[in-house]
């Protein structure tokens, strides 16, 4: 499955980060909220995602809601993956960007499959 990963589309000094994964038939919008000073290293406190069609129609989850909040052990895993994508090593190509991107996308895709019926 082909995808395009758009990372960290945000305003300068913003505590909200928007990431998007675009697939052939749908896209996933991820919102990360951070706490702490912009000058020091801010801490990820919340991550949400929504699934949309390519023409920006929201897709409802199995329970009728539209967004998923990543919680518990999944949040810990997500924090690690997000930290990797924002790391010095990733930005300066000192680690395999392709592997890091795939780990991130596979994790989010697993969360989508658990919460949505994609027909």
PDB file of N, CA and C in Angstrom:
ATOM      1  N   UNK A   1       0.842  -1.162   0.000  1.00  0.00           N
ATOM      2  CA  UNK A   1       0.000   0.000   0.000  1.00  0.00           C
ATOM      3  C   UNK A   1       0.898   1.239   0.000  1.00  0.00           C
ATOM      4  N   UNK A   2       0.654   2.119  -0.921  1.00  0.00           N
ATOM      5  CA  UNK A   2       1.450   3.339  -1.036  1.00  0.00           C
ATOM      6  C   UNK A   2       0.944   4.388  -0.051  1.00  0.00           C
ATOM      7  N   UNK A   3       1.883   5.156   0.488  1.00  0.00           N
ATOM      8  CA  UNK A   3       1.506   6.238   1.388  1.00  0.00           C
ATOM      9  C   UNK A   3       2.494   7.383   1.270  1.00  0.00           C
ATOM     10  N   UNK A   4       2.033   8.539   1.726  1.00  0.00           N
ATOM     11  CA  UNK A   4       2.884   9.721   1.800  1.00  0.00           C
ATOM     12  C   UNK A   4       2.749  10.248   3.224  1.00  0.00           C
ATOM     13  N   UNK A   5       3.870  10.466   3.883  1.00  0.00           N
ATOM     14  CA  UNK A   5       3.886  10.927   5.264  1.00  0.00           C
ATOM     15  C   UNK A   5       4.273  12.402   5.286  1.00  0.00           C
ATOM     16  N   UNK A   6       3.385  13.236   5.833  1.00  0.00           N
ATOM     17  CA  UNK A   6       3.653  14.666   5.986  1.00  0.00           C
ATOM     18  C   UNK A   6       3.788  14.945   7.477  1.00  0.00           C
ATOM     19  N   UNK A   7       4.998  15.291   7.910  1.00  0.00           N
ATOM     20  CA  UNK A   7       5.281  15.473   9.331  1.00  0.00           C
ATOM     21  C   UNK A   7       5.363  16.938   9.726  1.00  0.00           C
ATOM     22  N   UNK A   8       4.920  17.221  10.943  1.00  0.00           N
ATOM     23  CA  UNK A   8       5.130  18.507  11.617  1.00  0.00           C
ATOM     24  C   UNK A   8       4.727  19.728  10.819  1.00  0.00           C
ATOM     25  N   UNK A   9       3.539  19.724  10.303  1.00  0.00           N
ATOM     26  CA  UNK A   9       3.038  20.928   9.673  1.00  0.00           C
ATOM     27  C   UNK A   9       2.420  21.766  10.791  1.00  0.00           C
ATOM     28  N   UNK A  10       3.163  22.772  11.289  1.00  0.00           N
ATOM     29  CA  UNK A  10       2.729  23.543  12.443  1.00  0.00           C
ATOM     30  C   UNK A  10       3.204  24.982  12.342  1.00  0.00           C
ATOM     31  N   UNK A  11       2.627  25.801  13.170  1.00  0.00           N
ATOM     32  CA  UNK A  11       3.057  27.187  13.302  1.00  0.00           C
ATOM     33  C   UNK A  11       4.299  27.231  14.190  1.00  0.00           C
ATOM     34  N   UNK A  12       5.184  28.198  13.998  1.00  0.00           N
ATOM     35  CA  UNK A  12       6.339  28.330  14.901  1.00  0.00           C
ATOM     36  C   UNK A  12       5.871  28.595  16.333  1.00  0.00           C
ATOM     37  N   UNK A  13       6.548  28.000  17.307  1.00  0.00           N
ATOM     38  CA  UNK A  13       6.244  28.121  18.741  1.00  0.00           C
ATOM     39  C   UNK A  13       4.861  27.607  19.118  1.00  0.00           C
ATOM     40  N   UNK A  14       4.253  26.803  18.279  1.00  0.00           N
ATOM     41  CA  UNK A  14       2.943  26.228  18.574  1.00  0.00           C
ATOM     42  C   UNK A  14       3.108  24.991  19.434  1.00  0.00           C
ATOM     43  N   UNK A  15       2.137  24.732  20.285  1.00  0.00           N
ATOM     44  CA  UNK A  15       2.152  23.531  21.112  1.00  0.00           C
ATOM     45  C   UNK A  15       1.303  22.425  20.492  1.00  0.00           C
ATOM     46  N   UNK A  16       0.862  22.648  19.263  1.00  0.00           N
ATOM     47  CA  UNK A  16       0.078  21.653  18.534  1.00  0.00           C
ATOM     48  C   UNK A  16       0.816  21.315  17.246  1.00  0.00           C
ATOM     49  N   UNK A  17       0.938  20.017  16.967  1.00  0.00           N
ATOM     50  CA  UNK A  17       1.606  19.535  15.757  1.00  0.00           C
ATOM     51  C   UNK A  17       0.598  18.716  14.958  1.00  0.00           C
ATOM     52  N   UNK A  18       0.548  18.952  13.658  1.00  0.00           N
ATOM     53  CA  UNK A  18      -0.340  18.218  12.762  1.00  0.00           C
ATOM     54  C   UNK A  18       0.500  17.351  11.834  1.00  0.00           C
ATOM     55  N   UNK A  19       0.236  16.054  11.840  1.00  0.00           N
ATOM     56  CA  UNK A  19       0.873  15.116  10.917  1.00  0.00           C
ATOM     57  C   UNK A  19      -0.225  14.478  10.072  1.00  0.00           C
ATOM     58  N   UNK A  20       0.114  14.106   8.853  1.00  0.00           N
ATOM     59  CA  UNK A  20      -0.861  13.478   7.968  1.00  0.00           C
ATOM     60  C   UNK A  20      -0.208  12.311   7.245  1.00  0.00           C
ATOM     61  N   UNK A  21      -0.960  11.221   7.159  1.00  0.00           N
ATOM     62  CA  UNK A  21      -0.552  10.068   6.353  1.00  0.00           C
ATOM     63  C   UNK A  21      -1.598   9.937   5.249  1.00  0.00           C
ATOM     64  N   UNK A  22      -1.160  10.030   4.017  1.00  0.00           N
ATOM     65  CA  UNK A  22      -2.082   9.961   2.880  1.00  0.00           C
ATOM     66  C   UNK A  22      -1.871   8.639   2.159  1.00  0.00           C
ATOM     67  N   UNK A  23      -2.948   7.852   2.073  1.00  0.00           N
ATOM     68  CA  UNK A  23      -2.948   6.591   1.341  1.00  0.00           C
ATOM     69  C   UNK A  23      -3.668   6.800   0.014  1.00  0.00           C
ATOM     70  N   UNK A  24      -3.807   5.740  -0.771  1.00  0.00           N
ATOM     71  CA  UNK A  24      -4.456   5.841  -2.072  1.00  0.00           C
ATOM     72  C   UNK A  24      -5.936   6.200  -1.974  1.00  0.00           C
ATOM     73  N   UNK A  25      -6.625   5.751  -0.916  1.00  0.00           N
ATOM     74  CA  UNK A  25      -8.069   5.969  -0.842  1.00  0.00           C
ATOM     75  C   UNK A  25      -8.542   6.701   0.409  1.00  0.00           C
ATOM     76  N   UNK A  26      -7.671   7.001   1.347  1.00  0.00           N
ATOM     77  CA  UNK A  26      -8.044   7.754   2.542  1.00  0.00           C
ATOM     78  C   UNK A  26      -6.807   8.393   3.149  1.00  0.00           C
ATOM     79  N   UNK A  27      -7.043   9.256   4.143  1.00  0.00           N
ATOM     80  CA  UNK A  27      -5.918   9.875   4.843  1.00  0.00           C
ATOM     81  C   UNK A  27      -6.199   9.904   6.336  1.00  0.00           C
ATOM     82  N   UNK A  28      -5.136   9.972   7.100  1.00  0.00           N
ATOM     83  CA  UNK A  28      -5.218   9.987   8.553  1.00  0.00           C
ATOM     84  C   UNK A  28      -4.594  11.286   9.037  1.00  0.00           C
ATOM     85  N   UNK A  29      -5.391  12.080   9.764  1.00  0.00           N
ATOM     86  CA  UNK A  29      -4.900  13.314  10.356  1.00  0.00           C
ATOM     87  C   UNK A  29      -4.575  13.057  11.815  1.00  0.00           C
ATOM     88  N   UNK A  30      -3.342  13.375  12.216  1.00  0.00           N
ATOM     89  CA  UNK A  30      -2.882  13.143  13.584  1.00  0.00           C
ATOM     90  C   UNK A  30      -2.590  14.498  14.219  1.00  0.00           C
ATOM     91  N   UNK A  31      -3.117  14.707  15.428  1.00  0.00           N
ATOM     92  CA  UNK A  31      -2.898  15.937  16.167  1.00  0.00           C
ATOM     93  C   UNK A  31      -2.165  15.577  17.449  1.00  0.00           C
ATOM     94  N   UNK A  32      -1.020  16.220  17.663  1.00  0.00           N
ATOM     95  CA  UNK A  32      -0.240  16.023  18.885  1.00  0.00           C
ATOM     96  C   UNK A  32      -0.278  17.316  19.671  1.00  0.00           C
ATOM     97  N   UNK A  33      -0.543  17.210  20.979  1.00  0.00           N
ATOM     98  CA  UNK A  33      -0.518  18.384  21.855  1.00  0.00           C
ATOM     99  C   UNK A  33       0.651  18.246  22.813  1.00  0.00           C
ATOM    100  N   UNK A  34       1.390  19.336  22.970  1.00  0.00           N
ATOM    101  CA  UNK A  34       2.567  19.357  23.820  1.00  0.00           C
ATOM    102  C   UNK A  34       2.377  20.328  24.973  1.00  0.00           C
ATOM    103  N   UNK A  35       3.065  20.055  26.088  1.00  0.00           N
ATOM    104  CA  UNK A  35       3.106  20.980  27.217  1.00  0.00           C
ATOM    105  C   UNK A  35       4.557  21.350  27.469  1.00  0.00           C
ATOM    106  N   UNK A  36       4.752  22.481  28.108  1.00  0.00           N
ATOM    107  CA  UNK A  36       6.108  22.921  28.410  1.00  0.00           C
ATOM    108  C   UNK A  36       6.501  24.094  27.545  1.00  0.00           C
ATOM    109  N   UNK A  37       7.622  24.686  27.881  1.00  0.00           N
ATOM    110  CA  UNK A  37       8.135  25.847  27.181  1.00  0.00           C
ATOM    111  C   UNK A  37       8.642  25.462  25.792  1.00  0.00           C
ATOM    112  N   UNK A  38       8.442  26.349  24.837  1.00  0.00           N
ATOM    113  CA  UNK A  38       8.920  26.101  23.478  1.00  0.00           C
ATOM    114  C   UNK A  38      10.448  26.141  23.418  1.00  0.00           C
ATOM    115  N   UNK A  39      11.076  26.864  24.371  1.00  0.00           N
ATOM    116  CA  UNK A  39      12.536  26.954  24.378  1.00  0.00           C
ATOM    117  C   UNK A  39      13.169  25.678  24.919  1.00  0.00           C
ATOM    118  N   UNK A  40      12.533  25.089  25.926  1.00  0.00           N
ATOM    119  CA  UNK A  40      13.022  23.792  26.395  1.00  0.00           C
ATOM    120  C   UNK A  40      12.336  22.713  25.562  1.00  0.00           C
ATOM    121  N   UNK A  41      12.638  21.482  25.842  1.00  0.00           N
ATOM    122  CA  UNK A  41      12.038  20.397  25.066  1.00  0.00           C
ATOM    123  C   UNK A  41      10.608  20.147  25.553  1.00  0.00           C
ATOM    124  N   UNK A  42       9.583  20.500  24.747  1.00  0.00           N
ATOM    125  CA  UNK A  42       8.198  20.262  25.163  1.00  0.00           C
ATOM    126  C   UNK A  42       7.896  18.756  25.246  1.00  0.00           C
ATOM    127  N   UNK A  43       6.907  18.409  26.079  1.00  0.00           N
ATOM    128  CA  UNK A  43       6.541  17.022  26.319  1.00  0.00           C
ATOM    129  C   UNK A  43       5.198  16.718  25.666  1.00  0.00           C
ATOM    130  N   UNK A  44       5.131  15.612  24.949  1.00  0.00           N
ATOM    131  CA  UNK A  44       3.883  15.166  24.322  1.00  0.00           C
ATOM    132  C   UNK A  44       2.904  14.762  25.422  1.00  0.00           C
ATOM    133  N   UNK A  45       1.717  15.367  25.431  1.00  0.00           N
ATOM    134  CA  UNK A  45       0.735  15.037  26.462  1.00  0.00           C
ATOM    135  C   UNK A  45      -0.520  14.384  25.897  1.00  0.00           C
ATOM    136  N   UNK A  46      -0.771  14.530  24.596  1.00  0.00           N
ATOM    137  CA  UNK A  46      -1.987  13.968  24.017  1.00  0.00           C
ATOM    138  C   UNK A  46      -1.790  13.758  22.526  1.00  0.00           C
ATOM    139  N   UNK A  47      -2.344  12.682  22.014  1.00  0.00           N
ATOM    140  CA  UNK A  47      -2.319  12.409  20.575  1.00  0.00           C
ATOM    141  C   UNK A  47      -3.688  11.892  20.152  1.00  0.00           C
ATOM    142  N   UNK A  48      -4.235  12.504  19.111  1.00  0.00           N
ATOM    143  CA  UNK A  48      -5.535  12.128  18.558  1.00  0.00           C
ATOM    144  C   UNK A  48      -5.365  11.893  17.066  1.00  0.00           C
ATOM    145  N   UNK A  49      -6.244  11.090  16.501  1.00  0.00           N
ATOM    146  CA  UNK A  49      -6.247  10.983  15.040  1.00  0.00           C
ATOM    147  C   UNK A  49      -7.659  10.789  14.528  1.00  0.00           C
ATOM    148  N   UNK A  50      -7.847  11.210  13.280  1.00  0.00           N
ATOM    149  CA  UNK A  50      -9.117  11.072  12.564  1.00  0.00           C
ATOM    150  C   UNK A  50      -8.817  10.487  11.197  1.00  0.00           C
ATOM    151  N   UNK A  51      -9.755   9.755  10.664  1.00  0.00           N
ATOM    152  CA  UNK A  51      -9.642   9.219   9.311  1.00  0.00           C
ATOM    153  C   UNK A  51     -10.597  10.007   8.426  1.00  0.00           C
ATOM    154  N   UNK A  52     -10.088  10.419   7.279  1.00  0.00           N
ATOM    155  CA  UNK A  52     -10.887  11.177   6.307  1.00  0.00           C
ATOM    156  C   UNK A  52     -10.753  10.540   4.925  1.00  0.00           C
ATOM    157  N   UNK A  53     -11.761  10.774   4.116  1.00  0.00           N
ATOM    158  CA  UNK A  53     -11.649  10.394   2.717  1.00  0.00           C
ATOM    159  C   UNK A  53     -10.744  11.422   2.042  1.00  0.00           C
ATOM    160  N   UNK A  54     -10.358  11.166   0.822  1.00  0.00           N
ATOM    161  CA  UNK A  54      -9.486  12.107   0.125  1.00  0.00           C
ATOM    162  C   UNK A  54     -10.166  13.440  -0.170  1.00  0.00           C
ATOM    163  N   UNK A  55     -11.518  13.460  -0.159  1.00  0.00           N
ATOM    164  CA  UNK A  55     -12.239  14.726  -0.346  1.00  0.00           C
ATOM    165  C   UNK A  55     -12.660  15.331   0.999  1.00  0.00           C
ATOM    166  N   UNK A  56     -11.942  14.969   2.074  1.00  0.00           N
ATOM    167  CA  UNK A  56     -12.064  15.541   3.424  1.00  0.00           C
ATOM    168  C   UNK A  56     -13.380  15.254   4.149  1.00  0.00           C
ATOM    169  N   UNK A  57     -14.055  14.165   3.808  1.00  0.00           N
ATOM    170  CA  UNK A  57     -15.219  13.733   4.564  1.00  0.00           C
ATOM    171  C   UNK A  57     -14.750  12.864   5.725  1.00  0.00           C
ATOM    172  N   UNK A  58     -15.201  13.168   6.956  1.00  0.00           N
ATOM    173  CA  UNK A  58     -14.812  12.370   8.112  1.00  0.00           C
ATOM    174  C   UNK A  58     -15.408  10.971   8.040  1.00  0.00           C
ATOM    175  N   UNK A  59     -14.627   9.990   8.415  1.00  0.00           N
ATOM    176  CA  UNK A  59     -15.088   8.608   8.469  1.00  0.00           C
ATOM    177  C   UNK A  59     -15.412   8.306   9.934  1.00  0.00           C
ATOM    178  N   UNK A  60     -16.597   7.740  10.182  1.00  0.00           N
ATOM    179  CA  UNK A  60     -16.986   7.439  11.559  1.00  0.00           C
ATOM    180  C   UNK A  60     -16.391   6.122  12.022  1.00  0.00           C
ATOM    181  N   UNK A  61     -16.058   6.080  13.317  1.00  0.00           N
ATOM    182  CA  UNK A  61     -15.571   4.855  13.929  1.00  0.00           C
ATOM    183  C   UNK A  61     -16.718   3.874  14.091  1.00  0.00           C
ATOM    184  N   UNK A  62     -16.376   2.679  14.538  1.00  0.00           N
ATOM    185  CA  UNK A  62     -17.397   1.654  14.770  1.00  0.00           C
ATOM    186  C   UNK A  62     -18.437   2.107  15.778  1.00  0.00           C
ATOM    187  N   UNK A  63     -18.023   2.917  16.769  1.00  0.00           N
ATOM    188  CA  UNK A  63     -18.960   3.367  17.806  1.00  0.00           C
ATOM    189  C   UNK A  63     -19.656   4.684  17.454  1.00  0.00           C
ATOM    190  N   UNK A  64     -19.446   5.212  16.253  1.00  0.00           N
ATOM    191  CA  UNK A  64     -20.126   6.416  15.801  1.00  0.00           C
ATOM    192  C   UNK A  64     -19.337   7.697  15.988  1.00  0.00           C
ATOM    193  N   UNK A  65     -18.290   7.697  16.782  1.00  0.00           N
ATOM    194  CA  UNK A  65     -17.455   8.888  16.946  1.00  0.00           C
ATOM    195  C   UNK A  65     -16.522   9.031  15.753  1.00  0.00           C
ATOM    196  N   UNK A  66     -15.827  10.163  15.683  1.00  0.00           N
ATOM    197  CA  UNK A  66     -14.951  10.373  14.530  1.00  0.00           C
ATOM    198  C   UNK A  66     -13.477  10.364  14.873  1.00  0.00           C
ATOM    199  N   UNK A  67     -13.113  10.618  16.122  1.00  0.00           N
ATOM    200  CA  UNK A  67     -11.694  10.684  16.452  1.00  0.00           C
ATOM    201  C   UNK A  67     -11.317   9.637  17.492  1.00  0.00           C
ATOM    202  N   UNK A  68     -10.036   9.319  17.523  1.00  0.00           N
ATOM    203  CA  UNK A  68      -9.507   8.336  18.468  1.00  0.00           C
ATOM    204  C   UNK A  68      -8.409   9.014  19.276  1.00  0.00           C
ATOM    205  N   UNK A  69      -8.496   8.892  20.591  1.00  0.00           N
ATOM    206  CA  UNK A  69      -7.432   9.380  21.461  1.00  0.00           C
ATOM    207  C   UNK A  69      -6.544   8.187  21.799  1.00  0.00           C
ATOM    208  N   UNK A  70      -5.254   8.343  21.569  1.00  0.00           N
ATOM    209  CA  UNK A  70      -4.313   7.254  21.844  1.00  0.00           C
ATOM    210  C   UNK A  70      -4.018   7.270  23.340  1.00  0.00           C
ATOM    211  N   UNK A  71      -4.254   6.120  24.012  1.00  0.00           N
ATOM    212  CA  UNK A  71      -4.142   6.048  25.468  1.00  0.00           C
ATOM    213  C   UNK A  71      -3.304   4.849  25.894  1.00  0.00           C
ATOM    214  N   UNK A  72      -2.893   4.875  27.152  1.00  0.00           N
ATOM    215  CA  UNK A  72      -2.252   3.729  27.795  1.00  0.00           C
ATOM    216  C   UNK A  72      -0.942   3.322  27.158  1.00  0.00           C
ATOM    217  N   UNK A  73      -0.771   2.004  27.024  1.00  0.00           N
ATOM    218  CA  UNK A  73       0.458   1.462  26.442  1.00  0.00           C
ATOM    219  C   UNK A  73       0.660   1.928  25.005  1.00  0.00           C
ATOM    220  N   UNK A  74      -0.446   2.087  24.275  1.00  0.00           N
ATOM    221  CA  UNK A  74      -0.346   2.576  22.903  1.00  0.00           C
ATOM    222  C   UNK A  74       0.222   3.994  22.879  1.00  0.00           C
ATOM    223  N   UNK A  75      -0.148   4.815  23.870  1.00  0.00           N
ATOM    224  CA  UNK A  75       0.385   6.177  23.939  1.00  0.00           C
ATOM    225  C   UNK A  75       1.889   6.161  24.209  1.00  0.00           C
ATOM    226  N   UNK A  76       2.324   5.256  25.079  1.00  0.00           N
ATOM    227  CA  UNK A  76       3.759   5.132  25.361  1.00  0.00           C
ATOM    228  C   UNK A  76       4.518   4.752  24.084  1.00  0.00           C
ATOM    229  N   UNK A  77       3.965   3.800  23.335  1.00  0.00           N
ATOM    230  CA  UNK A  77       4.577   3.385  22.074  1.00  0.00           C
ATOM    231  C   UNK A  77       4.601   4.546  21.084  1.00  0.00           C
ATOM    232  N   UNK A  78       3.465   5.260  20.997  1.00  0.00           N
ATOM    233  CA  UNK A  78       3.381   6.395  20.084  1.00  0.00           C
ATOM    234  C   UNK A  78       4.395   7.475  20.454  1.00  0.00           C
ATOM    235  N   UNK A  79       4.559   7.740  21.745  1.00  0.00           N
ATOM    236  CA  UNK A  79       5.538   8.735  22.193  1.00  0.00           C
ATOM    237  C   UNK A  79       6.939   8.385  21.695  1.00  0.00           C
ATOM    238  N   UNK A  80       7.311   7.114  21.816  1.00  0.00           N
ATOM    239  CA  UNK A  80       8.621   6.674  21.348  1.00  0.00           C
ATOM    240  C   UNK A  80       8.788   6.857  19.846  1.00  0.00           C
ATOM    241  N   UNK A  81       7.747   6.502  19.082  1.00  0.00           N
ATOM    242  CA  UNK A  81       7.808   6.651  17.623  1.00  0.00           C
ATOM    243  C   UNK A  81       7.867   8.123  17.225  1.00  0.00           C
ATOM    244  N   UNK A  82       7.083   8.947  17.892  1.00  0.00           N
ATOM    245  CA  UNK A  82       7.082  10.380  17.615  1.00  0.00           C
ATOM    246  C   UNK A  82       8.426  11.007  17.978  1.00  0.00           C
ATOM    247  N   UNK A  83       8.988  10.589  19.100  1.00  0.00           N
ATOM    248  CA  UNK A  83      10.299  11.086  19.523  1.00  0.00           C
ATOM    249  C   UNK A  83      11.362  10.732  18.485  1.00  0.00           C
ATOM    250  N   UNK A  84      11.265   9.528  17.920  1.00  0.00           N
ATOM    251  CA  UNK A  84      12.230   9.103  16.905  1.00  0.00           C
ATOM    252  C   UNK A  84      12.128   9.992  15.661  1.00  0.00           C
ATOM    253  N   UNK A  85      10.894  10.320  15.249  1.00  0.00           N
ATOM    254  CA  UNK A  85      10.712  11.134  14.044  1.00  0.00           C
ATOM    255  C   UNK A  85      11.144  12.586  14.254  1.00  0.00           C
ATOM    256  N   UNK A  86      11.252  13.013  15.509  1.00  0.00           N
ATOM    257  CA  UNK A  86      11.685  14.377  15.813  1.00  0.00           C
ATOM    258  C   UNK A  86      13.131  14.434  16.282  1.00  0.00           C
ATOM    259  N   UNK A  87      13.825  13.325  16.202  1.00  0.00           N
ATOM    260  CA  UNK A  87      15.177  13.238  16.747  1.00  0.00           C
ATOM    261  C   UNK A  87      16.225  13.843  15.808  1.00  0.00           C
ATOM    262  N   UNK A  88      17.345  14.157  16.381  1.00  0.00           N
ATOM    263  CA  UNK A  88      18.509  14.651  15.633  1.00  0.00           C
ATOM    264  C   UNK A  88      18.945  13.616  14.604  1.00  0.00           C
ATOM    265  N   UNK A  89      18.952  12.348  15.014  1.00  0.00           N
ATOM    266  CA  UNK A  89      19.389  11.265  14.128  1.00  0.00           C
ATOM    267  C   UNK A  89      18.493  11.154  12.903  1.00  0.00           C
ATOM    268  N   UNK A  90      17.174  11.286  13.104  1.00  0.00           N
ATOM    269  CA  UNK A  90      16.227  11.200  11.986  1.00  0.00           C
ATOM    270  C   UNK A  90      16.412  12.389  11.039  1.00  0.00           C
ATOM    271  N   UNK A  91      16.479  13.584  11.627  1.00  0.00           N
ATOM    272  CA  UNK A  91      16.575  14.795  10.808  1.00  0.00           C
ATOM    273  C   UNK A  91      17.870  14.861  10.018  1.00  0.00           C
ATOM    274  N   UNK A  92      18.943  14.277  10.560  1.00  0.00           N
ATOM    275  CA  UNK A  92      20.236  14.307   9.880  1.00  0.00           C
ATOM    276  C   UNK A  92      20.587  12.992   9.195  1.00  0.00           C
ATOM    277  N   UNK A  93      19.581  12.151   9.013  1.00  0.00           N
ATOM    278  CA  UNK A  93      19.707  10.890   8.268  1.00  0.00           C
ATOM    279  C   UNK A  93      20.790   9.965   8.831  1.00  0.00           C
ATOM    280  N   UNK A  94      20.898   9.931  10.168  1.00  0.00           N
ATOM    281  CA  UNK A  94      21.850   9.037  10.806  1.00  0.00           C
ATOM    282  C   UNK A  94      21.230   7.675  11.114  1.00  0.00           C
ATOM    283  N   UNK A  95      19.932   7.561  10.913  1.00  0.00           N
ATOM    284  CA  UNK A  95      19.262   6.267  11.020  1.00  0.00           C
ATOM    285  C   UNK A  95      18.386   6.095   9.796  1.00  0.00           C
ATOM    286  N   UNK A  96      17.888   4.904   9.593  1.00  0.00           N
ATOM    287  CA  UNK A  96      17.086   4.617   8.409  1.00  0.00           C
ATOM    288  C   UNK A  96      15.736   5.324   8.507  1.00  0.00           C
ATOM    289  N   UNK A  97      15.582   6.375   7.731  1.00  0.00           N
ATOM    290  CA  UNK A  97      14.322   7.116   7.740  1.00  0.00           C
ATOM    291  C   UNK A  97      13.163   6.245   7.250  1.00  0.00           C
ATOM    292  N   UNK A  98      13.445   5.409   6.280  1.00  0.00           N
ATOM    293  CA  UNK A  98      12.394   4.546   5.736  1.00  0.00           C
ATOM    294  C   UNK A  98      11.845   3.617   6.822  1.00  0.00           C
ATOM    295  N   UNK A  99      12.735   3.015   7.606  1.00  0.00           N
ATOM    296  CA  UNK A  99      12.296   2.127   8.689  1.00  0.00           C
ATOM    297  C   UNK A  99      11.526   2.889   9.757  1.00  0.00           C
ATOM    298  N   UNK A 100      12.002   4.080  10.124  1.00  0.00           N
ATOM    299  CA  UNK A 100      11.314   4.895  11.124  1.00  0.00           C
ATOM    300  C   UNK A 100       9.925   5.300  10.631  1.00  0.00           C
ATOM    301  N   UNK A 101       9.833   5.723   9.369  1.00  0.00           N
ATOM    302  CA  UNK A 101       8.536   6.084   8.783  1.00  0.00           C
ATOM    303  C   UNK A 101       7.594   4.890   8.767  1.00  0.00           C
ATOM    304  N   UNK A 102       8.101   3.720   8.362  1.00  0.00           N
ATOM    305  CA  UNK A 102       7.259   2.526   8.300  1.00  0.00           C
ATOM    306  C   UNK A 102       6.770   2.109   9.675  1.00  0.00           C
ATOM    307  N   UNK A 103       7.619   2.179  10.692  1.00  0.00           N
ATOM    308  CA  UNK A 103       7.186   1.839  12.053  1.00  0.00           C
ATOM    309  C   UNK A 103       6.054   2.753  12.499  1.00  0.00           C
ATOM    310  N   UNK A 104       6.190   4.038  12.237  1.00  0.00           N
ATOM    311  CA  UNK A 104       5.172   5.030  12.603  1.00  0.00           C
ATOM    312  C   UNK A 104       3.860   4.755  11.866  1.00  0.00           C
ATOM    313  N   UNK A 105       3.944   4.582  10.555  1.00  0.00           N
ATOM    314  CA  UNK A 105       2.746   4.359   9.735  1.00  0.00           C
ATOM    315  C   UNK A 105       2.078   3.041  10.104  1.00  0.00           C
ATOM    316  N   UNK A 106       2.843   1.984  10.323  1.00  0.00           N
ATOM    317  CA  UNK A 106       2.254   0.690  10.693  1.00  0.00           C
ATOM    318  C   UNK A 106       1.549   0.766  12.038  1.00  0.00           C
ATOM    319  N   UNK A 107       2.128   1.499  12.993  1.00  0.00           N
ATOM    320  CA  UNK A 107       1.482   1.658  14.296  1.00  0.00           C
ATOM    321  C   UNK A 107       0.140   2.377  14.137  1.00  0.00           C
ATOM    322  N   UNK A 108       0.126   3.497  13.415  1.00  0.00           N
ATOM    323  CA  UNK A 108      -1.116   4.257  13.219  1.00  0.00           C
ATOM    324  C   UNK A 108      -2.131   3.425  12.440  1.00  0.00           C
ATOM    325  N   UNK A 109      -1.683   2.702  11.435  1.00  0.00           N
ATOM    326  CA  UNK A 109      -2.585   1.861  10.650  1.00  0.00           C
ATOM    327  C   UNK A 109      -3.206   0.763  11.509  1.00  0.00           C
ATOM    328  N   UNK A 110      -2.422   0.195  12.427  1.00  0.00           N
ATOM    329  CA  UNK A 110      -2.969  -0.803  13.357  1.00  0.00           C
ATOM    330  C   UNK A 110      -4.072  -0.187  14.218  1.00  0.00           C
ATOM    331  N   UNK A 111      -3.851   1.045  14.688  1.00  0.00           N
ATOM    332  CA  UNK A 111      -4.864   1.736  15.488  1.00  0.00           C
ATOM    333  C   UNK A 111      -6.128   2.007  14.657  1.00  0.00           C
ATOM    334  N   UNK A 112      -5.957   2.355  13.389  1.00  0.00           N
ATOM    335  CA  UNK A 112      -7.100   2.608  12.513  1.00  0.00           C
ATOM    336  C   UNK A 112      -7.898   1.323  12.317  1.00  0.00           C
ATOM    337  N   UNK A 113      -7.220   0.229  12.051  1.00  0.00           N
ATOM    338  CA  UNK A 113      -7.893  -1.049  11.825  1.00  0.00           C
ATOM    339  C   UNK A 113      -8.669  -1.491  13.075  1.00  0.00           C
ATOM    340  N   UNK A 114      -8.129  -1.210  14.252  1.00  0.00           N
ATOM    341  CA  UNK A 114      -8.807  -1.573  15.505  1.00  0.00           C
ATOM    342  C   UNK A 114     -10.070  -0.753  15.744  1.00  0.00           C
ATOM    343  N   UNK A 115     -10.149   0.471  15.215  1.00  0.00           N
ATOM    344  CA  UNK A 115     -11.243   1.376  15.544  1.00  0.00           C
ATOM    345  C   UNK A 115     -12.218   1.691  14.419  1.00  0.00           C
ATOM    346  N   UNK A 116     -11.840   1.433  13.193  1.00  0.00           N
ATOM    347  CA  UNK A 116     -12.675   1.816  12.052  1.00  0.00           C
ATOM    348  C   UNK A 116     -13.009   0.610  11.190  1.00  0.00           C
ATOM    349  N   UNK A 117     -14.171   0.685  10.507  1.00  0.00           N
ATOM    350  CA  UNK A 117     -14.524  -0.261   9.455  1.00  0.00           C
ATOM    351  C   UNK A 117     -14.262   0.427   8.130  1.00  0.00           C
ATOM    352  N   UNK A 118     -13.206   0.059   7.468  1.00  0.00           N
ATOM    353  CA  UNK A 118     -12.876   0.683   6.179  1.00  0.00           C
ATOM    354  C   UNK A 118     -13.325  -0.237   5.053  1.00  0.00           C
ATOM    355  N   UNK A 119     -14.425   0.103   4.425  1.00  0.00           N
ATOM    356  CA  UNK A 119     -14.969  -0.706   3.329  1.00  0.00           C
ATOM    357  C   UNK A 119     -14.664  -0.088   2.001  1.00  0.00           C
TER     358      UNK A 119
END
